[in-house]
Amino acid sequence: MSSEKKFTLAEVAEHNDKKSLWIVINKAVYDVTKFQSEHPGGEEILRDMAGKDATEEFEDVGHSADARSIMKKYKIGELA
């Protein structure tokens, strides 16, 4: 049984601007607020997906193993 915090998509959707930016990728919830300026693809891409499930877009781009490793520190929980 996982002790990770669970979030609903409605809760994630409340974090949809540059001051508080959460996204969902493969049912994991990430707070990427502090990562916006570091994102290699630019801040706009993250902001476009703010508060949403970005799995399809994330996978379509073909992120590297490094990108997937960096993501781990931004994970705050799972989708309920």
PDB file of N, CA and C in Angstrom:
ATOM      1  N   MET A   1       0.839  -1.191   0.000  1.00  0.00           N
ATOM      2  CA  MET A   1       0.000   0.000   0.000  1.00  0.00           C
ATOM      3  C   MET A   1       0.879   1.248   0.000  1.00  0.00           C
ATOM      4  N   SER A   2       0.651   2.111  -0.930  1.00  0.00           N
ATOM      5  CA  SER A   2       1.452   3.316  -1.059  1.00  0.00           C
ATOM      6  C   SER A   2       0.991   4.379  -0.072  1.00  0.00           C
ATOM      7  N   SER A   3       1.970   5.087   0.498  1.00  0.00           N
ATOM      8  CA  SER A   3       1.639   6.162   1.430  1.00  0.00           C
ATOM      9  C   SER A   3       1.662   7.522   0.718  1.00  0.00           C
ATOM     10  N   GLU A   4       1.789   7.491  -0.604  1.00  0.00           N
ATOM     11  CA  GLU A   4       1.821   8.738  -1.357  1.00  0.00           C
ATOM     12  C   GLU A   4       0.494   9.462  -1.275  1.00  0.00           C
ATOM     13  N   LYS A   5       0.569  10.764  -1.294  1.00  0.00           N
ATOM     14  CA  LYS A   5      -0.633  11.584  -1.265  1.00  0.00           C
ATOM     15  C   LYS A   5      -1.418  11.368  -2.551  1.00  0.00           C
ATOM     16  N   LYS A   6      -2.721  11.349  -2.413  1.00  0.00           N
ATOM     17  CA  LYS A   6      -3.603  11.174  -3.570  1.00  0.00           C
ATOM     18  C   LYS A   6      -4.315  12.489  -3.873  1.00  0.00           C
ATOM     19  N   PHE A   7      -4.388  12.811  -5.146  1.00  0.00           N
ATOM     20  CA  PHE A   7      -5.057  14.024  -5.591  1.00  0.00           C
ATOM     21  C   PHE A   7      -6.096  13.673  -6.649  1.00  0.00           C
ATOM     22  N   THR A   8      -7.196  14.401  -6.658  1.00  0.00           N
ATOM     23  CA  THR A   8      -8.173  14.241  -7.727  1.00  0.00           C
ATOM     24  C   THR A   8      -7.760  15.156  -8.877  1.00  0.00           C
ATOM     25  N   LEU A   9      -8.286  14.885 -10.060  1.00  0.00           N
ATOM     26  CA  LEU A   9      -8.004  15.751 -11.201  1.00  0.00           C
ATOM     27  C   LEU A   9      -8.545  17.157 -10.936  1.00  0.00           C
ATOM     28  N   ALA A  10      -9.643  17.249 -10.193  1.00  0.00           N
ATOM     29  CA  ALA A  10     -10.205  18.560  -9.835  1.00  0.00           C
ATOM     30  C   ALA A  10      -9.232  19.348  -8.956  1.00  0.00           C
ATOM     31  N   GLU A  11      -8.556  18.666  -8.041  1.00  0.00           N
ATOM     32  CA  GLU A  11      -7.561  19.340  -7.188  1.00  0.00           C
ATOM     33  C   GLU A  11      -6.380  19.814  -8.030  1.00  0.00           C
ATOM     34  N   VAL A  12      -5.932  18.957  -8.931  1.00  0.00           N
ATOM     35  CA  VAL A  12      -4.818  19.325  -9.810  1.00  0.00           C
ATOM     36  C   VAL A  12      -5.201  20.534 -10.655  1.00  0.00           C
ATOM     37  N   ALA A  13      -6.434  20.552 -11.146  1.00  0.00           N
ATOM     38  CA  ALA A  13      -6.909  21.623 -12.023  1.00  0.00           C
ATOM     39  C   ALA A  13      -6.873  22.998 -11.360  1.00  0.00           C
ATOM     40  N   GLU A  14      -6.868  23.031 -10.032  1.00  0.00           N
ATOM     41  CA  GLU A  14      -6.802  24.307  -9.316  1.00  0.00           C
ATOM     42  C   GLU A  14      -5.413  24.940  -9.397  1.00  0.00           C
ATOM     43  N   HIS A  15      -4.431  24.165  -9.773  1.00  0.00           N
ATOM     44  CA  HIS A  15      -3.034  24.644  -9.847  1.00  0.00           C
ATOM     45  C   HIS A  15      -2.666  24.832 -11.316  1.00  0.00           C
ATOM     46  N   ASN A  16      -3.230  25.882 -11.897  1.00  0.00           N
ATOM     47  CA  ASN A  16      -3.163  26.020 -13.352  1.00  0.00           C
ATOM     48  C   ASN A  16      -2.576  27.344 -13.835  1.00  0.00           C
ATOM     49  N   ASP A  17      -1.700  27.942 -13.023  1.00  0.00           N
ATOM     50  CA  ASP A  17      -1.034  29.159 -13.505  1.00  0.00           C
ATOM     51  C   ASP A  17       0.423  29.168 -13.054  1.00  0.00           C
ATOM     52  N   LYS A  18       1.152  30.207 -13.453  1.00  0.00           N
ATOM     53  CA  LYS A  18       2.595  30.194 -13.202  1.00  0.00           C
ATOM     54  C   LYS A  18       2.963  30.287 -11.718  1.00  0.00           C
ATOM     55  N   LYS A  19       2.040  30.720 -10.880  1.00  0.00           N
ATOM     56  CA  LYS A  19       2.311  30.809  -9.438  1.00  0.00           C
ATOM     57  C   LYS A  19       2.190  29.452  -8.750  1.00  0.00           C
ATOM     58  N   SER A  20       1.389  28.569  -9.308  1.00  0.00           N
ATOM     59  CA  SER A  20       1.214  27.215  -8.785  1.00  0.00           C
ATOM     60  C   SER A  20       0.830  26.320  -9.956  1.00  0.00           C
ATOM     61  N   LEU A  21       1.796  25.563 -10.453  1.00  0.00           N
ATOM     62  CA  LEU A  21       1.610  24.806 -11.688  1.00  0.00           C
ATOM     63  C   LEU A  21       1.826  23.318 -11.429  1.00  0.00           C
ATOM     64  N   TRP A  22       0.732  22.569 -11.490  1.00  0.00           N
ATOM     65  CA  TRP A  22       0.788  21.116 -11.337  1.00  0.00           C
ATOM     66  C   TRP A  22       0.385  20.476 -12.652  1.00  0.00           C
ATOM     67  N   ILE A  23       0.987  19.328 -12.942  1.00  0.00           N
ATOM     68  CA  ILE A  23       0.594  18.533 -14.099  1.00  0.00           C
ATOM     69  C   ILE A  23       0.550  17.054 -13.696  1.00  0.00           C
ATOM     70  N   VAL A  24      -0.154  16.269 -14.500  1.00  0.00           N
ATOM     71  CA  VAL A  24      -0.234  14.825 -14.293  1.00  0.00           C
ATOM     72  C   VAL A  24       0.443  14.148 -15.480  1.00  0.00           C
ATOM     73  N   ILE A  25       1.323  13.197 -15.174  1.00  0.00           N
ATOM     74  CA  ILE A  25       1.948  12.382 -16.217  1.00  0.00           C
ATOM     75  C   ILE A  25       1.933  10.943 -15.721  1.00  0.00           C
ATOM     76  N   ASN A  26       1.309  10.072 -16.496  1.00  0.00           N
ATOM     77  CA  ASN A  26       1.197   8.652 -16.135  1.00  0.00           C
ATOM     78  C   ASN A  26       0.677   8.464 -14.711  1.00  0.00           C
ATOM     79  N   LYS A  27      -0.384   9.184 -14.387  1.00  0.00           N
ATOM     80  CA  LYS A  27      -1.085   9.104 -13.094  1.00  0.00           C
ATOM     81  C   LYS A  27      -0.276   9.621 -11.914  1.00  0.00           C
ATOM     82  N   ALA A  28       0.892  10.196 -12.159  1.00  0.00           N
ATOM     83  CA  ALA A  28       1.677  10.826 -11.099  1.00  0.00           C
ATOM     84  C   ALA A  28       1.448  12.331 -11.175  1.00  0.00           C
ATOM     85  N   VAL A  29       1.379  12.966 -10.001  1.00  0.00           N
ATOM     86  CA  VAL A  29       1.146  14.406  -9.935  1.00  0.00           C
ATOM     87  C   VAL A  29       2.472  15.099  -9.629  1.00  0.00           C
ATOM     88  N   TYR A  30       2.764  16.119 -10.426  1.00  0.00           N
ATOM     89  CA  TYR A  30       4.014  16.874 -10.284  1.00  0.00           C
ATOM     90  C   TYR A  30       3.727  18.346 -10.055  1.00  0.00           C
ATOM     91  N   ASP A  31       4.446  18.944  -9.103  1.00  0.00           N
ATOM     92  CA  ASP A  31       4.404  20.386  -8.898  1.00  0.00           C
ATOM     93  C   ASP A  31       5.638  20.937  -9.617  1.00  0.00           C
ATOM     94  N   VAL A  32       5.424  21.486 -10.800  1.00  0.00           N
ATOM     95  CA  VAL A  32       6.541  21.978 -11.619  1.00  0.00           C
ATOM     96  C   VAL A  32       6.646  23.504 -11.578  1.00  0.00           C
ATOM     97  N   THR A  33       6.075  24.106 -10.546  1.00  0.00           N
ATOM     98  CA  THR A  33       6.110  25.560 -10.404  1.00  0.00           C
ATOM     99  C   THR A  33       7.545  26.082 -10.489  1.00  0.00           C
ATOM    100  N   LYS A  34       8.457  25.476  -9.749  1.00  0.00           N
ATOM    101  CA  LYS A  34       9.847  25.942  -9.707  1.00  0.00           C
ATOM    102  C   LYS A  34      10.666  25.489 -10.922  1.00  0.00           C
ATOM    103  N   PHE A  35      10.128  24.580 -11.697  1.00  0.00           N
ATOM    104  CA  PHE A  35      10.844  24.039 -12.861  1.00  0.00           C
ATOM    105  C   PHE A  35      10.572  24.833 -14.139  1.00  0.00           C
ATOM    106  N   GLN A  36       9.571  25.692 -14.138  1.00  0.00           N
ATOM    107  CA  GLN A  36       9.155  26.387 -15.359  1.00  0.00           C
ATOM    108  C   GLN A  36      10.315  27.038 -16.105  1.00  0.00           C
ATOM    109  N   SER A  37      11.126  27.797 -15.392  1.00  0.00           N
ATOM    110  CA  SER A  37      12.209  28.537 -16.053  1.00  0.00           C
ATOM    111  C   SER A  37      13.339  27.619 -16.531  1.00  0.00           C
ATOM    112  N   GLU A  38      13.394  26.397 -15.999  1.00  0.00           N
ATOM    113  CA  GLU A  38      14.441  25.442 -16.382  1.00  0.00           C
ATOM    114  C   GLU A  38      14.007  24.508 -17.512  1.00  0.00           C
ATOM    115  N   HIS A  39      12.708  24.477 -17.811  1.00  0.00           N
ATOM    116  CA  HIS A  39      12.199  23.532 -18.800  1.00  0.00           C
ATOM    117  C   HIS A  39      12.822  23.800 -20.167  1.00  0.00           C
ATOM    118  N   PRO A  40      13.543  22.806 -20.734  1.00  0.00           N
ATOM    119  CA  PRO A  40      14.226  23.007 -22.017  1.00  0.00           C
ATOM    120  C   PRO A  40      13.289  23.395 -23.167  1.00  0.00           C
ATOM    121  N   GLY A  41      12.046  22.962 -23.095  1.00  0.00           N
ATOM    122  CA  GLY A  41      11.088  23.282 -24.153  1.00  0.00           C
ATOM    123  C   GLY A  41      10.408  24.631 -23.969  1.00  0.00           C
ATOM    124  N   GLY A  42      10.745  25.301 -22.882  1.00  0.00           N
ATOM    125  CA  GLY A  42      10.170  26.605 -22.606  1.00  0.00           C
ATOM    126  C   GLY A  42       9.025  26.549 -21.602  1.00  0.00           C
ATOM    127  N   GLU A  43       8.807  27.665 -20.948  1.00  0.00           N
ATOM    128  CA  GLU A  43       7.773  27.773 -19.916  1.00  0.00           C
ATOM    129  C   GLU A  43       6.371  27.638 -20.489  1.00  0.00           C
ATOM    130  N   GLU A  44       6.176  28.130 -21.716  1.00  0.00           N
ATOM    131  CA  GLU A  44       4.843  28.146 -22.331  1.00  0.00           C
ATOM    132  C   GLU A  44       4.223  26.753 -22.402  1.00  0.00           C
ATOM    133  N   ILE A  45       5.032  25.769 -22.735  1.00  0.00           N
ATOM    134  CA  ILE A  45       4.539  24.401 -22.885  1.00  0.00           C
ATOM    135  C   ILE A  45       3.972  23.897 -21.557  1.00  0.00           C
ATOM    136  N   LEU A  46       4.702  24.149 -20.474  1.00  0.00           N
ATOM    137  CA  LEU A  46       4.209  23.728 -19.162  1.00  0.00           C
ATOM    138  C   LEU A  46       2.937  24.487 -18.806  1.00  0.00           C
ATOM    139  N   ARG A  47       2.917  25.765 -19.080  1.00  0.00           N
ATOM    140  CA  ARG A  47       1.734  26.566 -18.740  1.00  0.00           C
ATOM    141  C   ARG A  47       0.511  26.130 -19.539  1.00  0.00           C
ATOM    142  N   ASP A  48       0.723  25.704 -20.774  1.00  0.00           N
ATOM    143  CA  ASP A  48      -0.397  25.220 -21.595  1.00  0.00           C
ATOM    144  C   ASP A  48      -1.032  23.970 -20.989  1.00  0.00           C
ATOM    145  N   MET A  49      -0.249  23.184 -20.275  1.00  0.00           N
ATOM    146  CA  MET A  49      -0.731  21.928 -19.697  1.00  0.00           C
ATOM    147  C   MET A  49      -1.025  22.047 -18.207  1.00  0.00           C
ATOM    148  N   ALA A  50      -0.894  23.229 -17.657  1.00  0.00           N
ATOM    149  CA  ALA A  50      -1.089  23.450 -16.221  1.00  0.00           C
ATOM    150  C   ALA A  50      -2.457  22.967 -15.756  1.00  0.00           C
ATOM    151  N   GLY A  51      -2.447  22.173 -14.693  1.00  0.00           N
ATOM    152  CA  GLY A  51      -3.685  21.676 -14.114  1.00  0.00           C
ATOM    153  C   GLY A  51      -4.326  20.550 -14.893  1.00  0.00           C
ATOM    154  N   LYS A  52      -3.587  19.969 -15.846  1.00  0.00           N
ATOM    155  CA  LYS A  52      -4.159  18.939 -16.729  1.00  0.00           C
ATOM    156  C   LYS A  52      -3.308  17.673 -16.737  1.00  0.00           C
ATOM    157  N   ASP A  53      -3.854  16.654 -17.375  1.00  0.00           N
ATOM    158  CA  ASP A  53      -3.111  15.424 -17.626  1.00  0.00           C
ATOM    159  C   ASP A  53      -2.298  15.640 -18.898  1.00  0.00           C
ATOM    160  N   ALA A  54      -0.979  15.646 -18.758  1.00  0.00           N
ATOM    161  CA  ALA A  54      -0.080  15.928 -19.878  1.00  0.00           C
ATOM    162  C   ALA A  54       0.612  14.663 -20.383  1.00  0.00           C
ATOM    163  N   THR A  55       0.091  13.499 -20.021  1.00  0.00           N
ATOM    164  CA  THR A  55       0.740  12.235 -20.373  1.00  0.00           C
ATOM    165  C   THR A  55       0.978  12.102 -21.879  1.00  0.00           C
ATOM    166  N   GLU A  56      -0.078  12.306 -22.661  1.00  0.00           N
ATOM    167  CA  GLU A  56       0.036  12.117 -24.109  1.00  0.00           C
ATOM    168  C   GLU A  56       1.076  13.065 -24.712  1.00  0.00           C
ATOM    169  N   GLU A  57       1.016  14.321 -24.317  1.00  0.00           N
ATOM    170  CA  GLU A  57       1.963  15.313 -24.842  1.00  0.00           C
ATOM    171  C   GLU A  57       3.387  14.984 -24.415  1.00  0.00           C
ATOM    172  N   PHE A  58       3.547  14.566 -23.175  1.00  0.00           N
ATOM    173  CA  PHE A  58       4.859  14.203 -22.646  1.00  0.00           C
ATOM    174  C   PHE A  58       5.456  13.033 -23.423  1.00  0.00           C
ATOM    175  N   GLU A  59       4.645  12.000 -23.635  1.00  0.00           N
ATOM    176  CA  GLU A  59       5.125  10.810 -24.336  1.00  0.00           C
ATOM    177  C   GLU A  59       5.364  11.086 -25.828  1.00  0.00           C
ATOM    178  N   ASP A  60       4.538  11.935 -26.436  1.00  0.00           N
ATOM    179  CA  ASP A  60       4.701  12.263 -27.860  1.00  0.00           C
ATOM    180  C   ASP A  60       6.044  12.926 -28.148  1.00  0.00           C
ATOM    181  N   VAL A  61       6.536  13.697 -27.191  1.00  0.00           N
ATOM    182  CA  VAL A  61       7.810  14.408 -27.368  1.00  0.00           C
ATOM    183  C   VAL A  61       8.986  13.444 -27.267  1.00  0.00           C
ATOM    184  N   GLY A  62       8.816  12.357 -26.539  1.00  0.00           N
ATOM    185  CA  GLY A  62       9.899  11.384 -26.378  1.00  0.00           C
ATOM    186  C   GLY A  62      10.973  11.892 -25.439  1.00  0.00           C
ATOM    187  N   HIS A  63      10.599  12.205 -24.213  1.00  0.00           N
ATOM    188  CA  HIS A  63      11.548  12.727 -23.231  1.00  0.00           C
ATOM    189  C   HIS A  63      12.647  11.710 -22.924  1.00  0.00           C
ATOM    190  N   SER A  64      13.821  12.216 -22.641  1.00  0.00           N
ATOM    191  CA  SER A  64      15.001  11.388 -22.379  1.00  0.00           C
ATOM    192  C   SER A  64      14.944  10.756 -20.987  1.00  0.00           C
ATOM    193  N   ALA A  65      15.857   9.829 -20.759  1.00  0.00           N
ATOM    194  CA  ALA A  65      15.986   9.206 -19.438  1.00  0.00           C
ATOM    195  C   ALA A  65      16.370  10.270 -18.418  1.00  0.00           C
ATOM    196  N   ASP A  66      17.185  11.235 -18.825  1.00  0.00           N
ATOM    197  CA  ASP A  66      17.570  12.334 -17.931  1.00  0.00           C
ATOM    198  C   ASP A  66      16.340  13.129 -17.506  1.00  0.00           C
ATOM    199  N   ALA A  67      15.468  13.433 -18.467  1.00  0.00           N
ATOM    200  CA  ALA A  67      14.245  14.190 -18.168  1.00  0.00           C
ATOM    201  C   ALA A  67      13.391  13.417 -17.164  1.00  0.00           C
ATOM    202  N   ARG A  68      13.275  12.126 -17.377  1.00  0.00           N
ATOM    203  CA  ARG A  68      12.462  11.300 -16.482  1.00  0.00           C
ATOM    204  C   ARG A  68      13.079  11.241 -15.084  1.00  0.00           C
ATOM    205  N   SER A  69      14.381  11.294 -15.013  1.00  0.00           N
ATOM    206  CA  SER A  69      15.072  11.295 -13.725  1.00  0.00           C
ATOM    207  C   SER A  69      14.857  12.626 -12.995  1.00  0.00           C
ATOM    208  N   ILE A  70      14.957  13.727 -13.709  1.00  0.00           N
ATOM    209  CA  ILE A  70      14.749  15.062 -13.134  1.00  0.00           C
ATOM    210  C   ILE A  70      13.342  15.190 -12.570  1.00  0.00           C
ATOM    211  N   MET A  71      12.374  14.587 -13.247  1.00  0.00           N
ATOM    212  CA  MET A  71      10.965  14.675 -12.832  1.00  0.00           C
ATOM    213  C   MET A  71      10.725  14.187 -11.410  1.00  0.00           C
ATOM    214  N   LYS A  72      11.496  13.184 -11.003  1.00  0.00           N
ATOM    215  CA  LYS A  72      11.255  12.527  -9.719  1.00  0.00           C
ATOM    216  C   LYS A  72      11.208  13.509  -8.554  1.00  0.00           C
ATOM    217  N   LYS A  73      12.057  14.538  -8.591  1.00  0.00           N
ATOM    218  CA  LYS A  73      12.090  15.466  -7.455  1.00  0.00           C
ATOM    219  C   LYS A  73      10.877  16.391  -7.402  1.00  0.00           C
ATOM    220  N   TYR A  74      10.101  16.444  -8.472  1.00  0.00           N
ATOM    221  CA  TYR A  74       8.903  17.294  -8.518  1.00  0.00           C
ATOM    222  C   TYR A  74       7.616  16.533  -8.227  1.00  0.00           C
ATOM    223  N   LYS A  75       7.732  15.222  -8.085  1.00  0.00           N
ATOM    224  CA  LYS A  75       6.542  14.405  -7.834  1.00  0.00           C
ATOM    225  C   LYS A  75       6.016  14.649  -6.425  1.00  0.00           C
ATOM    226  N   ILE A  76       4.712  14.933  -6.344  1.00  0.00           N
ATOM    227  CA  ILE A  76       4.109  15.219  -5.030  1.00  0.00           C
ATOM    228  C   ILE A  76       3.034  14.201  -4.658  1.00  0.00           C
ATOM    229  N   GLY A  77       2.693  13.316  -5.588  1.00  0.00           N
ATOM    230  CA  GLY A  77       1.691  12.307  -5.274  1.00  0.00           C
ATOM    231  C   GLY A  77       1.189  11.600  -6.511  1.00  0.00           C
ATOM    232  N   GLU A  78       0.032  10.955  -6.337  1.00  0.00           N
ATOM    233  CA  GLU A  78      -0.587  10.175  -7.406  1.00  0.00           C
ATOM    234  C   GLU A  78      -2.002  10.660  -7.633  1.00  0.00           C
ATOM    235  N   LEU A  79      -2.512  10.378  -8.818  1.00  0.00           N
ATOM    236  CA  LEU A  79      -3.917  10.667  -9.128  1.00  0.00           C
ATOM    237  C   LEU A  79      -4.778   9.655  -8.386  1.00  0.00           C
ATOM    238  N   ALA A  80      -5.814  10.123  -7.726  1.00  0.00           N
ATOM    239  CA  ALA A  80      -6.695   9.247  -6.954  1.00  0.00           C
ATOM    240  C   ALA A  80      -7.519   8.372  -7.877  1.00  0.00           C
TER     241      ALA A  80
END
